[in-house]
Structures are given as C-alpha cells and as structure tokens.
Amino acid sequence: MRTHWLLVALFGWLVLHPAVTKADDRLVQIRLPNGTIIHAEVADTQRKRAEGLMFREHLPRDRGMLFTFEQAQAWTFWMKNTKIPLDIIWMNEKKQVIHIAHNVPTCTRTDDGCPQYQPNDPALYVLELGSGEAERLKIERGAKLQFQTP
C-alpha cells in the first residue's frame, strides 16, 4: 500500500512540476542572421498545426512557433481564434525566408471568414513571431535562418 501511494505521489509531481516538460512542449532554437536566438514551439502534426497559437494571450519576444511540413507548398495561414497579432515568416527547404506577412491582425469573426495569408512560392517551414518582431529583428526576404529540423 505504501508503494502505491509513493507511485501516485511521484506521478503527481511529474505531471504538475513546472521543470518537467512533455515531448509535445519541446522547443527548437532558431538562430537569426544577427545571432539572436528564438525559442520556438514545434507544430509538426496536423493537430498542432491546426491549433497553432490559437487562444494564447501573450507571446514573449524570444518565443515563436515553427511549423514544419512534409512537402513544400504555398501553405495558407489565418488568424481565427488567435488573440495576439503576429508576423508570419515562410521559408523554403534551405531555411531561407521567401515571404513575410507583417503585423497580421487578430480576427474576431465567429465564422470561417477570417482573411488568409500565403506566400507566392512553396514553403517547407513557417515561423510565427509576435507582431513587429520580424522588423525589430531585421528578418528580411532572402535571410537564412539556422535550426535543427525536429
């Protein structure tokens, strides 16, 4: 009986302790051309890509979300249920910026009529940062970002 309670207590600590993270919460470090590091959550499944940064109230300056795809396409993004304005940065297979949507506003519509954003060229990766961060960090079309593909 004592062992059972010890296991229950250990399990509860592992679930609730902030220092323990789940595999789904892993971060990838993205190095920008100026040397700045962005810590990005990885959206590499259909579920994670569909949810993205929805319902978040805040995104720290050094954080973002990196969307990875199996094949390059002109991936479309929208801001439904996203409460913070964003910069959306599309990259090709060489991790080179091919398109940026700056200061994309939130969308409060309850239907599926939110504006859509997409590049003209195929992208394999998409990075979302807080609104204005691409300009502040001097991320421009043609810049090459460095990160390990999850």
Protein backbone atom coordinates (compact mmCIF):
# COMPACT_ATOMS: atom_id res chain seq x y z
CA MET A 1 0.00 0.00 0.00
CA ARG A 2 2.84 2.36 0.88
CA THR A 3 4.48 1.76 -2.52
CA HIS A 4 1.20 2.56 -4.26
CA TRP A 5 0.97 5.98 -2.57
CA LEU A 6 4.61 6.68 -3.34
CA LEU A 7 3.99 5.98 -7.04
CA VAL A 8 0.85 8.16 -7.02
CA ALA A 9 2.77 11.00 -5.35
CA LEU A 10 5.69 10.66 -7.80
CA PHE A 11 3.31 10.63 -10.78
CA GLY A 12 1.53 13.74 -9.46
CA TRP A 13 4.85 15.54 -9.02
CA LEU A 14 5.94 14.64 -12.56
CA VAL A 15 2.66 15.88 -14.03
CA LEU A 16 2.45 19.11 -12.03
CA HIS A 17 6.08 20.14 -11.57
CA PRO A 18 6.97 23.04 -13.94
CA ALA A 19 10.54 21.84 -14.55
CA VAL A 20 9.27 18.66 -16.21
CA THR A 21 8.13 19.17 -19.79
CA LYS A 22 6.27 16.90 -22.14
CA ALA A 23 7.71 15.91 -25.51
CA ASP A 24 4.92 17.98 -27.13
CA ASP A 25 6.31 21.09 -25.41
CA ARG A 26 9.81 20.80 -26.85
CA LEU A 27 11.45 23.93 -28.18
CA VAL A 28 13.79 24.32 -31.11
CA GLN A 29 16.40 27.07 -31.16
CA ILE A 30 16.32 29.24 -34.27
CA ARG A 31 19.40 31.38 -34.90
CA LEU A 32 18.76 34.56 -36.86
CA PRO A 33 21.37 36.19 -39.12
CA ASN A 34 22.15 38.77 -36.40
CA GLY A 35 22.87 35.99 -33.87
CA THR A 36 19.61 36.33 -31.91
CA ILE A 37 18.10 33.04 -30.76
CA ILE A 38 14.35 32.43 -30.90
CA HIS A 39 12.96 29.51 -28.90
CA ALA A 40 10.11 28.08 -30.93
CA GLU A 41 7.47 25.51 -30.13
CA VAL A 42 7.23 22.94 -32.88
CA ALA A 43 4.00 22.34 -34.79
CA ASP A 44 4.78 19.17 -36.71
CA THR A 45 1.48 17.28 -36.66
CA GLN A 46 -1.82 18.13 -38.28
CA ARG A 47 -3.39 18.79 -34.86
CA LYS A 48 -0.58 21.07 -33.68
CA ARG A 49 -0.52 22.96 -36.99
CA ALA A 50 -4.31 23.45 -36.89
CA GLU A 51 -4.20 24.84 -33.33
CA GLY A 52 -1.03 26.89 -33.73
CA LEU A 53 -1.04 29.88 -31.38
CA MET A 54 -4.82 29.99 -31.00
CA PHE A 55 -6.20 31.26 -27.70
CA ARG A 56 -2.81 32.49 -26.43
CA GLU A 57 -2.90 35.78 -24.55
CA HIS A 58 0.83 36.59 -24.83
CA LEU A 59 3.96 35.56 -26.73
CA PRO A 60 7.33 36.60 -25.24
CA ARG A 61 9.80 38.37 -27.53
CA ASP A 62 12.20 35.43 -27.67
CA ARG A 63 9.48 32.87 -28.42
CA GLY A 64 7.68 31.71 -31.53
CA MET A 65 6.12 28.72 -33.21
CA LEU A 66 7.81 26.78 -36.00
CA PHE A 67 5.51 24.90 -38.37
CA THR A 68 7.17 22.06 -40.28
CA PHE A 69 5.68 20.26 -43.25
CA GLU A 70 6.47 17.08 -45.17
CA GLN A 71 6.47 18.85 -48.53
CA ALA A 72 6.85 22.39 -49.76
CA GLN A 73 3.64 24.21 -50.73
CA ALA A 74 2.25 27.74 -50.57
CA TRP A 75 0.87 27.00 -47.09
CA THR A 76 -2.07 29.20 -46.09
CA PHE A 77 -2.45 30.64 -42.57
CA TRP A 78 -5.25 32.56 -40.89
CA MET A 79 -5.83 34.17 -37.51
CA LYS A 80 -9.09 32.55 -36.39
CA ASN A 81 -9.17 32.35 -32.57
CA THR A 82 -5.69 33.91 -32.39
CA LYS A 83 -5.72 36.64 -29.74
CA ILE A 84 -2.32 38.21 -30.48
CA PRO A 85 -1.21 39.86 -33.73
CA LEU A 86 1.68 38.06 -35.43
CA ASP A 87 4.40 38.20 -38.05
CA ILE A 88 4.27 35.10 -40.27
CA ILE A 89 7.54 34.10 -41.96
CA TRP A 90 7.63 31.44 -44.71
CA MET A 91 10.89 29.63 -45.52
CA ASN A 92 11.93 27.25 -48.27
CA GLU A 93 13.75 23.92 -47.85
CA LYS A 94 17.05 25.81 -47.42
CA LYS A 95 15.53 27.69 -44.45
CA GLN A 96 15.69 30.89 -46.47
CA VAL A 97 12.92 33.46 -45.95
CA ILE A 98 10.72 33.64 -49.05
CA HIS A 99 7.81 35.72 -47.73
CA ILE A 100 6.77 37.68 -44.63
CA ALA A 101 3.30 38.83 -43.61
CA HIS A 102 3.99 41.69 -41.18
CA ASN A 103 1.68 42.72 -38.34
CA VAL A 104 -1.12 40.29 -39.15
CA PRO A 105 -4.09 41.38 -37.00
CA THR A 106 -6.25 39.15 -34.87
CA CYS A 107 -9.58 38.02 -36.27
CA THR A 108 -12.64 38.10 -34.02
CA ARG A 109 -15.08 36.63 -36.53
CA THR A 110 -17.01 33.61 -35.29
CA ASP A 111 -17.46 32.13 -38.77
CA ASP A 112 -14.70 30.94 -41.10
CA GLY A 113 -14.41 34.31 -42.86
CA CYS A 114 -11.04 35.39 -41.43
CA PRO A 115 -8.52 36.64 -44.03
CA GLN A 116 -5.97 34.13 -45.27
CA TYR A 117 -2.24 34.72 -45.75
CA GLN A 118 0.09 32.78 -48.01
CA PRO A 119 3.31 33.15 -49.97
CA ASN A 120 3.66 33.10 -53.75
CA ASP A 121 6.30 30.36 -53.59
CA PRO A 122 6.38 26.93 -51.92
CA ALA A 123 7.49 26.85 -48.27
CA LEU A 124 8.58 23.94 -46.10
CA TYR A 125 8.75 25.89 -42.82
CA VAL A 126 6.74 28.73 -41.32
CA LEU A 127 7.74 30.74 -38.25
CA GLU A 128 5.24 32.81 -36.28
CA LEU A 129 6.54 35.61 -34.05
CA GLY A 130 4.82 38.41 -32.19
CA SER A 131 3.73 41.35 -34.33
CA GLY A 132 6.62 43.67 -35.20
CA GLU A 133 9.33 41.17 -34.28
CA ALA A 134 10.41 40.49 -37.87
CA GLU A 135 11.11 44.20 -38.37
CA ARG A 136 12.72 44.64 -34.95
CA LEU A 137 14.99 41.64 -35.53
CA LYS A 138 15.67 42.73 -39.13
CA ILE A 139 14.40 39.50 -40.66
CA GLU A 140 14.05 40.11 -44.38
CA ARG A 141 13.26 38.15 -47.51
CA GLY A 142 16.35 36.17 -48.50
CA ALA A 143 17.67 35.84 -44.92
CA LYS A 144 18.72 32.35 -43.94
CA LEU A 145 17.68 31.07 -40.51
CA GLN A 146 19.51 28.24 -38.78
CA PHE A 147 17.81 25.44 -36.82
CA GLN A 148 17.82 21.70 -36.48
CA THR A 149 14.80 20.21 -38.18
CA PRO A 150 12.82 18.43 -35.46
